[in-house]
C-alpha atoms as a PDB file:
ATOM      1  CA  UNK A   1       0.003   0.000  -0.003  1.00  0.00           C
ATOM      2  CA  UNK A   2       1.392   3.367  -0.887  1.00  0.00           C
ATOM      3  CA  UNK A   3       2.223   5.699   1.920  1.00  0.00           C
ATOM      4  CA  UNK A   4       0.068   8.293   0.312  1.00  0.00           C
ATOM      5  CA  UNK A   5      -2.866   5.924   0.185  1.00  0.00           C
ATOM      6  CA  UNK A   6      -2.718   5.076   3.913  1.00  0.00           C
ATOM      7  CA  UNK A   7      -5.187   6.429   6.315  1.00  0.00           C
ATOM      8  CA  UNK A   8      -4.066   8.936   8.878  1.00  0.00           C
ATOM      9  CA  UNK A   9      -4.336   6.302  11.619  1.00  0.00           C
ATOM     10  CA  UNK A  10      -2.169   3.883   9.698  1.00  0.00           C
ATOM     11  CA  UNK A  11       0.343   6.569   8.946  1.00  0.00           C
ATOM     12  CA  UNK A  12       0.617   7.354  12.654  1.00  0.00           C
ATOM     13  CA  UNK A  13       1.137   3.715  13.472  1.00  0.00           C
ATOM     14  CA  UNK A  14       3.964   3.485  10.994  1.00  0.00           C
ATOM     15  CA  UNK A  15       5.727   6.578  12.433  1.00  0.00           C
ATOM     16  CA  UNK A  16       5.461   5.188  15.919  1.00  0.00           C
ATOM     17  CA  UNK A  17       6.981   1.932  14.745  1.00  0.00           C
ATOM     18  CA  UNK A  18       9.866   3.605  12.900  1.00  0.00           C
ATOM     19  CA  UNK A  19      10.991   6.020  15.671  1.00  0.00           C
ATOM     20  CA  UNK A  20      14.024   4.714  17.643  1.00  0.00           C
ATOM     21  CA  UNK A  21      13.595   3.567  21.248  1.00  0.00           C
ATOM     22  CA  UNK A  22      14.281   6.111  23.893  1.00  0.00           C
ATOM     23  CA  UNK A  23      16.977   3.878  25.590  1.00  0.00           C
ATOM     24  CA  UNK A  24      19.511   2.497  23.173  1.00  0.00           C
ATOM     25  CA  UNK A  25      21.930  -0.354  24.015  1.00  0.00           C
ATOM     26  CA  UNK A  26      25.617   0.339  23.399  1.00  0.00           C
ATOM     27  CA  UNK A  27      28.232  -2.378  23.986  1.00  0.00           C
ATOM     28  CA  UNK A  28      31.021   0.219  24.318  1.00  0.00           C
ATOM     29  CA  UNK A  29      29.138   2.159  26.919  1.00  0.00           C
ATOM     30  CA  UNK A  30      28.495  -0.999  28.922  1.00  0.00           C
ATOM     31  CA  UNK A  31      32.213  -1.874  28.784  1.00  0.00           C
ATOM     32  CA  UNK A  32      33.333   1.547  30.064  1.00  0.00           C
ATOM     33  CA  UNK A  33      30.749   1.542  32.833  1.00  0.00           C
ATOM     34  CA  UNK A  34      31.943  -1.856  34.064  1.00  0.00           C
ATOM     35  CA  UNK A  35      35.627  -0.746  34.012  1.00  0.00           C
ATOM     36  CA  UNK A  36      34.840   2.398  36.009  1.00  0.00           C
ATOM     37  CA  UNK A  37      33.088   0.234  38.573  1.00  0.00           C
ATOM     38  CA  UNK A  38      36.249  -1.889  38.950  1.00  0.00           C
ATOM     39  CA  UNK A  39      38.630   1.064  39.138  1.00  0.00           C
ATOM     40  CA  UNK A  40      36.593   3.006  41.670  1.00  0.00           C
ATOM     41  CA  UNK A  41      37.932   1.228  44.816  1.00  0.00           C
ATOM     42  CA  UNK A  42      41.549   1.738  43.693  1.00  0.00           C
ATOM     43  CA  UNK A  43      40.981   5.416  43.086  1.00  0.00           C
ATOM     44  CA  UNK A  44      39.372   5.775  46.455  1.00  0.00           C
ATOM     45  CA  UNK A  45      42.329   3.990  48.097  1.00  0.00           C
ATOM     46  CA  UNK A  46      44.867   6.356  46.469  1.00  0.00           C
ATOM     47  CA  UNK A  47      43.153   9.458  47.847  1.00  0.00           C
ATOM     48  CA  UNK A  48      44.929  10.676  51.036  1.00  0.00           C
ATOM     49  CA  UNK A  49      42.935  10.489  54.204  1.00  0.00           C
ATOM     50  CA  UNK A  50      41.962  13.794  55.735  1.00  0.00           C
ATOM     51  CA  UNK A  51      43.654  14.640  59.072  1.00  0.00           C
ATOM     52  CA  UNK A  52      41.332  15.003  61.970  1.00  0.00           C
ATOM     53  CA  UNK A  53      41.726  18.195  63.931  1.00  0.00           C
ATOM     54  CA  UNK A  54      42.432  17.492  67.629  1.00  0.00           C
ATOM     55  CA  UNK A  55      39.445  18.340  69.717  1.00  0.00           C
ATOM     56  CA  UNK A  56      39.020  18.980  73.421  1.00  0.00           C
ATOM     57  CA  UNK A  57      38.941  15.239  74.095  1.00  0.00           C
ATOM     58  CA  UNK A  58      42.584  15.001  72.903  1.00  0.00           C
ATOM     59  CA  UNK A  59      43.810  18.076  74.829  1.00  0.00           C
ATOM     60  CA  UNK A  60      42.420  17.256  78.267  1.00  0.00           C
ATOM     61  CA  UNK A  61      44.474  14.087  78.841  1.00  0.00           C
ATOM     62  CA  UNK A  62      47.712  15.900  77.918  1.00  0.00           C
ATOM     63  CA  UNK A  63      46.891  18.715  80.339  1.00  0.00           C
ATOM     64  CA  UNK A  64      46.187  16.255  83.128  1.00  0.00           C
ATOM     65  CA  UNK A  65      49.519  14.479  82.541  1.00  0.00           C
ATOM     66  CA  UNK A  66      51.420  17.778  82.684  1.00  0.00           C
ATOM     67  CA  UNK A  67      49.735  18.698  85.968  1.00  0.00           C
ATOM     68  CA  UNK A  68      50.604  15.335  87.522  1.00  0.00           C
ATOM     69  CA  UNK A  69      54.251  15.676  86.467  1.00  0.00           C
ATOM     70  CA  UNK A  70      54.501  19.151  88.043  1.00  0.00           C
ATOM     71  CA  UNK A  71      53.185  17.906  91.379  1.00  0.00           C
ATOM     72  CA  UNK A  72      55.461  14.861  91.359  1.00  0.00           C
ATOM     73  CA  UNK A  73      58.720  16.860  91.487  1.00  0.00           C
ATOM     74  CA  UNK A  74      57.769  18.829  94.603  1.00  0.00           C
ATOM     75  CA  UNK A  75      59.847  17.581  97.578  1.00  0.00           C
ATOM     76  CA  UNK A  76      57.987  17.542 100.898  1.00  0.00           C
ATOM     77  CA  UNK A  77      58.438  15.729 104.153  1.00  0.00           C
ATOM     78  CA  UNK A  78      56.428  12.510 104.380  1.00  0.00           C
ATOM     79  CA  UNK A  79      55.907   9.784 106.912  1.00  0.00           C
ATOM     80  CA  UNK A  80      58.220   7.574 104.854  1.00  0.00           C
ATOM     81  CA  UNK A  81      61.127   9.990 105.323  1.00  0.00           C
ATOM     82  CA  UNK A  82      60.389  10.709 108.994  1.00  0.00           C
ATOM     83  CA  UNK A  83      59.292  13.576 111.159  1.00  0.00           C
ATOM     84  CA  UNK A  84      61.161  15.997 113.389  1.00  0.00           C
ATOM     85  CA  UNK A  85      60.779  18.819 115.916  1.00  0.00           C
ATOM     86  CA  UNK A  86      63.390  21.387 116.990  1.00  0.00           C
ATOM     87  CA  UNK A  87      63.023  22.514 120.609  1.00  0.00           C
ATOM     88  CA  UNK A  88      64.742  24.863 123.064  1.00  0.00           C
ATOM     89  CA  UNK A  89      66.900  26.650 120.508  1.00  0.00           C
ATOM     90  CA  UNK A  90      69.298  29.062 122.230  1.00  0.00           C
ATOM     91  CA  UNK A  91      72.244  31.182 121.144  1.00  0.00           C
ATOM     92  CA  UNK A  92      75.239  33.071 122.428  1.00  0.00           C
ATOM     93  CA  UNK A  93      77.389  35.394 120.373  1.00  0.00           C
ATOM     94  CA  UNK A  94      79.285  32.432 118.815  1.00  0.00           C
ATOM     95  CA  UNK A  95      77.165  29.291 119.447  1.00  0.00           C
ATOM     96  CA  UNK A  96      73.704  27.909 118.654  1.00  0.00           C
ATOM     97  CA  UNK A  97      72.348  24.903 120.521  1.00  0.00           C
ATOM     98  CA  UNK A  98      69.019  23.061 120.432  1.00  0.00           C
ATOM     99  CA  UNK A  99      67.264  19.784 121.132  1.00  0.00           C
ATOM    100  CA  UNK A 100      65.838  17.605 118.390  1.00  0.00           C
ATOM    101  CA  UNK A 101      63.101  14.975 118.462  1.00  0.00           C
ATOM    102  CA  UNK A 102      63.119  12.927 115.252  1.00  0.00           C
ATOM    103  CA  UNK A 103      61.923   9.661 113.728  1.00  0.00           C
ATOM    104  CA  UNK A 104      63.416   8.306 110.528  1.00  0.00           C
ATOM    105  CA  UNK A 105      66.726   7.170 109.108  1.00  0.00           C
ATOM    106  CA  UNK A 106      69.728   9.142 107.808  1.00  0.00           C
ATOM    107  CA  UNK A 107      68.479  12.455 109.210  1.00  0.00           C
ATOM    108  CA  UNK A 108      70.772  15.456 109.715  1.00  0.00           C
ATOM    109  CA  UNK A 109      70.554  18.716 111.637  1.00  0.00           C
ATOM    110  CA  UNK A 110      71.814  21.451 109.327  1.00  0.00           C
ATOM    111  CA  UNK A 111      72.806  25.023 110.215  1.00  0.00           C
ATOM    112  CA  UNK A 112      73.236  27.340 107.265  1.00  0.00           C
ATOM    113  CA  UNK A 113      73.001  30.834 105.826  1.00  0.00           C
ATOM    114  CA  UNK A 114      74.381  32.503 102.711  1.00  0.00           C
ATOM    115  CA  UNK A 115      77.965  31.953 103.901  1.00  0.00           C
ATOM    116  CA  UNK A 116      78.253  28.582 105.625  1.00  0.00           C
ATOM    117  CA  UNK A 117      76.584  25.188 105.910  1.00  0.00           C
ATOM    118  CA  UNK A 118      77.249  22.868 108.864  1.00  0.00           C
ATOM    119  CA  UNK A 119      75.639  19.455 109.381  1.00  0.00           C
ATOM    120  CA  UNK A 120      75.476  16.942 112.221  1.00  0.00           C
ATOM    121  CA  UNK A 121      73.903  13.452 111.982  1.00  0.00           C
ATOM    122  CA  UNK A 122      70.882  12.892 114.232  1.00  0.00           C
ATOM    123  CA  UNK A 123      70.875   9.776 116.347  1.00  0.00           C
ATOM    124  CA  UNK A 124      67.778   7.588 116.569  1.00  0.00           C
ATOM    125  CA  UNK A 125      65.083   9.512 118.424  1.00  0.00           C
ATOM    126  CA  UNK A 126      67.059  12.774 118.432  1.00  0.00           C
ATOM    127  CA  UNK A 127      69.161  14.489 121.082  1.00  0.00           C
ATOM    128  CA  UNK A 128      71.015  17.695 121.947  1.00  0.00           C
ATOM    129  CA  UNK A 129      73.130  19.419 119.286  1.00  0.00           C
ATOM    130  CA  UNK A 130      75.416  22.462 119.329  1.00  0.00           C
ATOM    131  CA  UNK A 131      77.219  24.478 116.648  1.00  0.00           C
ATOM    132  CA  UNK A 132      80.218  26.595 117.708  1.00  0.00           C
ATOM    133  CA  UNK A 133      82.564  29.120 116.141  1.00  0.00           C
ATOM    134  CA  UNK A 134      79.759  31.218 114.655  1.00  0.00           C
ATOM    135  CA  UNK A 135      79.688  34.924 113.881  1.00  0.00           C
ATOM    136  CA  UNK A 136      78.011  37.372 116.310  1.00  0.00           C
ATOM    137  CA  UNK A 137      74.846  39.200 115.231  1.00  0.00           C
ATOM    138  CA  UNK A 138      74.260  36.737 112.384  1.00  0.00           C
ATOM    139  CA  UNK A 139      71.048  35.026 111.264  1.00  0.00           C
ATOM    140  CA  UNK A 140      71.128  31.253 110.682  1.00  0.00           C
ATOM    141  CA  UNK A 141      68.581  28.602 109.702  1.00  0.00           C
ATOM    142  CA  UNK A 142      68.305  25.391 111.704  1.00  0.00           C
ATOM    143  CA  UNK A 143      66.754  22.532 109.697  1.00  0.00           C
ATOM    144  CA  UNK A 144      66.238  18.788 109.994  1.00  0.00           C
ATOM    145  CA  UNK A 145      66.685  17.203 106.559  1.00  0.00           C
ATOM    146  CA  UNK A 146      66.410  13.685 105.147  1.00  0.00           C
ATOM    147  CA  UNK A 147      66.766  11.927 101.832  1.00  0.00           C
ATOM    148  CA  UNK A 148      63.459  11.771  99.942  1.00  0.00           C
ATOM    149  CA  UNK A 149      62.475  10.261  96.640  1.00  0.00           C
ATOM    150  CA  UNK A 150      63.469  13.465  94.822  1.00  0.00           C
ATOM    151  CA  UNK A 151      66.530  14.464  96.850  1.00  0.00           C
ATOM    152  CA  UNK A 152      67.015  16.274 100.127  1.00  0.00           C
ATOM    153  CA  UNK A 153      63.774  16.957 101.999  1.00  0.00           C
ATOM    154  CA  UNK A 154      63.326  19.468 104.831  1.00  0.00           C
ATOM    155  CA  UNK A 155      61.228  18.042 107.644  1.00  0.00           C
ATOM    156  CA  UNK A 156      61.282  21.149 109.839  1.00  0.00           C
ATOM    157  CA  UNK A 157      63.256  24.397 110.123  1.00  0.00           C
ATOM    158  CA  UNK A 158      63.522  27.577 112.160  1.00  0.00           C
ATOM    159  CA  UNK A 159      65.554  30.807 112.148  1.00  0.00           C
ATOM    160  CA  UNK A 160      67.963  31.625 114.987  1.00  0.00           C
ATOM    161  CA  UNK A 161      70.262  34.645 115.384  1.00  0.00           C
ATOM    162  CA  UNK A 162      73.468  34.791 117.372  1.00  0.00           C
ATOM    163  CA  UNK A 163      73.816  37.499 119.982  1.00  0.00           C
ATOM    164  CA  UNK A 164      75.782  40.675 119.507  1.00  0.00           C
ATOM    165  CA  UNK A 165      79.198  40.818 121.105  1.00  0.00           C
ATOM    166  CA  UNK A 166      78.938  42.136 124.660  1.00  0.00           C
ATOM    167  CA  UNK A 167      80.693  45.322 125.572  1.00  0.00           C
ATOM    168  CA  UNK A 168      84.345  44.609 126.429  1.00  0.00           C
ATOM    169  CA  UNK A 169      85.036  44.357 130.132  1.00  0.00           C
ATOM    170  CA  UNK A 170      88.160  45.764 131.798  1.00  0.00           C
ATOM    171  CA  UNK A 171      88.074  45.416 135.541  1.00  0.00           C
ATOM    172  CA  UNK A 172      90.419  44.618 138.445  1.00  0.00           C
ATOM    173  CA  UNK A 173      88.855  42.373 141.067  1.00  0.00           C
ATOM    174  CA  UNK A 174      91.592  42.232 143.733  1.00  0.00           C
ATOM    175  CA  UNK A 175      95.025  40.975 144.783  1.00  0.00           C
ATOM    176  CA  UNK A 176      96.030  37.774 146.552  1.00  0.00           C
ATOM    177  CA  UNK A 177      99.393  37.839 148.383  1.00  0.00           C
ATOM    178  CA  UNK A 178     101.551  35.791 150.713  1.00  0.00           C
ATOM    179  CA  UNK A 179     105.096  36.115 152.096  1.00  0.00           C
ATOM    180  CA  UNK A 180     107.272  32.999 151.964  1.00  0.00           C
ATOM    181  CA  UNK A 181     110.400  34.777 153.053  1.00  0.00           C
ATOM    182  CA  UNK A 182     111.503  31.985 155.380  1.00  0.00           C
ATOM    183  CA  UNK A 183     111.296  29.498 152.492  1.00  0.00           C
ATOM    184  CA  UNK A 184     112.537  31.301 149.381  1.00  0.00           C
ATOM    185  CA  UNK A 185     113.031  34.940 150.510  1.00  0.00           C
ATOM    186  CA  UNK A 186     110.172  36.348 148.370  1.00  0.00           C
ATOM    187  CA  UNK A 187     106.837  38.077 148.796  1.00  0.00           C
ATOM    188  CA  UNK A 188     104.354  36.592 146.246  1.00  0.00           C
ATOM    189  CA  UNK A 189     101.191  38.180 144.846  1.00  0.00           C
ATOM    190  CA  UNK A 190      98.716  37.660 142.023  1.00  0.00           C
ATOM    191  CA  UNK A 191      96.462  40.317 140.468  1.00  0.00           C
ATOM    192  CA  UNK A 192      92.954  39.105 139.579  1.00  0.00           C
ATOM    193  CA  UNK A 193      91.746  41.182 136.622  1.00  0.00           C
ATOM    194  CA  UNK A 194      90.235  41.115 133.124  1.00  0.00           C
ATOM    195  CA  UNK A 195      91.177  43.528 130.364  1.00  0.00           C
ATOM    196  CA  UNK A 196      89.063  42.876 127.231  1.00  0.00           C
ATOM    197  CA  UNK A 197      89.358  46.524 126.181  1.00  0.00           C
ATOM    198  CA  UNK A 198      93.117  46.550 126.631  1.00  0.00           C
ATOM    199  CA  UNK A 199      93.169  49.651 128.833  1.00  0.00           C
ATOM    200  CA  UNK A 200      95.575  48.484 131.557  1.00  0.00           C
ATOM    201  CA  UNK A 201      99.336  48.952 131.182  1.00  0.00           C
ATOM    202  CA  UNK A 202     102.567  49.775 133.010  1.00  0.00           C
ATOM    203  CA  UNK A 203     102.053  47.568 136.089  1.00  0.00           C
ATOM    204  CA  UNK A 204     104.372  48.187 139.049  1.00  0.00           C
ATOM    205  CA  UNK A 205     104.660  46.849 142.613  1.00  0.00           C
ATOM    206  CA  UNK A 206     106.950  47.547 145.588  1.00  0.00           C
ATOM    207  CA  UNK A 207     107.507  46.889 149.287  1.00  0.00           C
ATOM    208  CA  UNK A 208     108.710  49.713 151.568  1.00  0.00           C
ATOM    209  CA  UNK A 209     109.753  48.942 155.136  1.00  0.00           C
ATOM    210  CA  UNK A 210     109.474  51.204 158.136  1.00  0.00           C
ATOM    211  CA  UNK A 211     113.008  52.497 157.483  1.00  0.00           C
ATOM    212  CA  UNK A 212     112.324  53.605 153.950  1.00  0.00           C
ATOM    213  CA  UNK A 213     114.037  50.669 152.244  1.00  0.00           C
ATOM    214  CA  UNK A 214     112.327  49.781 148.967  1.00  0.00           C
ATOM    215  CA  UNK A 215     112.225  46.546 146.976  1.00  0.00           C
ATOM    216  CA  UNK A 216     110.528  46.561 143.579  1.00  0.00           C
ATOM    217  CA  UNK A 217     108.912  43.813 141.470  1.00  0.00           C
ATOM    218  CA  UNK A 218     110.165  42.839 138.035  1.00  0.00           C
ATOM    219  CA  UNK A 219     106.907  41.734 136.334  1.00  0.00           C
ATOM    220  CA  UNK A 220     106.905  38.735 134.034  1.00  0.00           C
ATOM    221  CA  UNK A 221     105.363  38.933 130.545  1.00  0.00           C
ATOM    222  CA  UNK A 222     102.153  37.339 131.808  1.00  0.00           C
ATOM    223  CA  UNK A 223     100.837  39.896 134.265  1.00  0.00           C
ATOM    224  CA  UNK A 224      98.066  37.461 135.286  1.00  0.00           C
ATOM    225  CA  UNK A 225     100.677  34.990 136.562  1.00  0.00           C
ATOM    226  CA  UNK A 226     102.291  34.846 140.000  1.00  0.00           C
ATOM    227  CA  UNK A 227     104.633  37.761 140.665  1.00  0.00           C
ATOM    228  CA  UNK A 228     107.204  38.151 143.426  1.00  0.00           C
ATOM    229  CA  UNK A 229     109.232  40.821 145.260  1.00  0.00           C
ATOM    230  CA  UNK A 230     112.584  40.115 146.894  1.00  0.00           C
ATOM    231  CA  UNK A 231     112.517  40.553 150.696  1.00  0.00           C
ATOM    232  CA  UNK A 232     115.729  39.076 152.127  1.00  0.00           C
ATOM    233  CA  UNK A 233     118.282  38.333 149.447  1.00  0.00           C
ATOM    234  CA  UNK A 234     119.669  41.654 148.149  1.00  0.00           C
ATOM    235  CA  UNK A 235     116.648  43.656 149.323  1.00  0.00           C
ATOM    236  CA  UNK A 236     117.720  44.490 152.864  1.00  0.00           C
ATOM    237  CA  UNK A 237     114.147  45.050 154.073  1.00  0.00           C
ATOM    238  CA  UNK A 238     113.994  45.384 157.810  1.00  0.00           C
ATOM    239  CA  UNK A 239     111.267  44.693 160.304  1.00  0.00           C
ATOM    240  CA  UNK A 240     108.288  42.417 160.165  1.00  0.00           C
ATOM    241  CA  UNK A 241     105.981  44.617 158.105  1.00  0.00           C
ATOM    242  CA  UNK A 242     106.129  46.661 154.931  1.00  0.00           C
ATOM    243  CA  UNK A 243     104.007  48.915 152.844  1.00  0.00           C
ATOM    244  CA  UNK A 244     102.770  47.106 149.673  1.00  0.00           C
ATOM    245  CA  UNK A 245     101.881  49.345 146.711  1.00  0.00           C
ATOM    246  CA  UNK A 246     100.648  47.971 143.362  1.00  0.00           C
ATOM    247  CA  UNK A 247      99.678  50.360 140.574  1.00  0.00           C
ATOM    248  CA  UNK A 248      99.061  50.479 136.827  1.00  0.00           C
ATOM    249  CA  UNK A 249      97.905  52.907 134.215  1.00  0.00           C
ATOM    250  CA  UNK A 250      94.342  52.808 132.867  1.00  0.00           C
ATOM    251  CA  UNK A 251      93.899  54.680 129.609  1.00  0.00           C
ATOM    252  CA  UNK A 252      96.992  56.730 130.464  1.00  0.00           C
ATOM    253  CA  UNK A 253      95.946  57.567 134.033  1.00  0.00           C
ATOM    254  CA  UNK A 254      97.552  56.039 137.139  1.00  0.00           C
ATOM    255  CA  UNK A 255      95.388  53.548 139.029  1.00  0.00           C
ATOM    256  CA  UNK A 256      96.191  52.242 142.514  1.00  0.00           C
ATOM    257  CA  UNK A 257      95.377  48.538 142.584  1.00  0.00           C
ATOM    258  CA  UNK A 258      96.524  47.782 146.136  1.00  0.00           C
ATOM    259  CA  UNK A 259      97.988  49.839 148.991  1.00  0.00           C
ATOM    260  CA  UNK A 260      98.237  48.163 152.380  1.00  0.00           C
ATOM    261  CA  UNK A 261     100.571  47.067 155.175  1.00  0.00           C
ATOM    262  CA  UNK A 262     101.643  43.429 154.874  1.00  0.00           C
ATOM    263  CA  UNK A 263     103.758  40.987 156.883  1.00  0.00           C
ATOM    264  CA  UNK A 264     107.203  40.176 155.605  1.00  0.00           C
END
């Protein structure tokens, strides 16, 4: 039947039959789609993984560890290292003494300042301790120390100051004398005095009898030692008594130490 002789309905049916299907099959397209499906996992594996930004959950543990480490290095006295008490601390111008009560092993009592450090081992239970040869008017620290896990540990400490030097004393207290003429022919005497200020000098002593005869003393280098005056041998003192006179100079002025009548 000629296309021109067909009815409009038949012509429409023919056009519908001749138009290509909306979805066409292509072997090449199928092949490429299958290959892409196989390659996809490899491509995904080659892509670098994204780094995760650390959040608060990562930072908190690190902060806690740092805080624990800081506390761990602090050295404090513990029951493991012992315990101690310093009592009755007292000082002079050159010494510091105290009593210690302590429990623990290898403990020491230490005295120190910016210039010195002295240490004495503490016996079991404690005891009395003394440091000598110190400087006057100086501040020191007394401490009981032991060996802890992180080094030397102070169990207890206190500050003690030595006293100032007292004012120097220069004073004469008296004279002791005795005549032993019948034994050795001398009159002996000793001057009891202290001269911290160094003001006494030029000591002299003599015996004068009732006839005006005089016998003088030749002082030894140590004025504090026993001195003697000749009575019989070469002195020619007469009678049974004599006038004893002992003097010195104090800061340039004459000082009478003793003036009395004695037996010879």
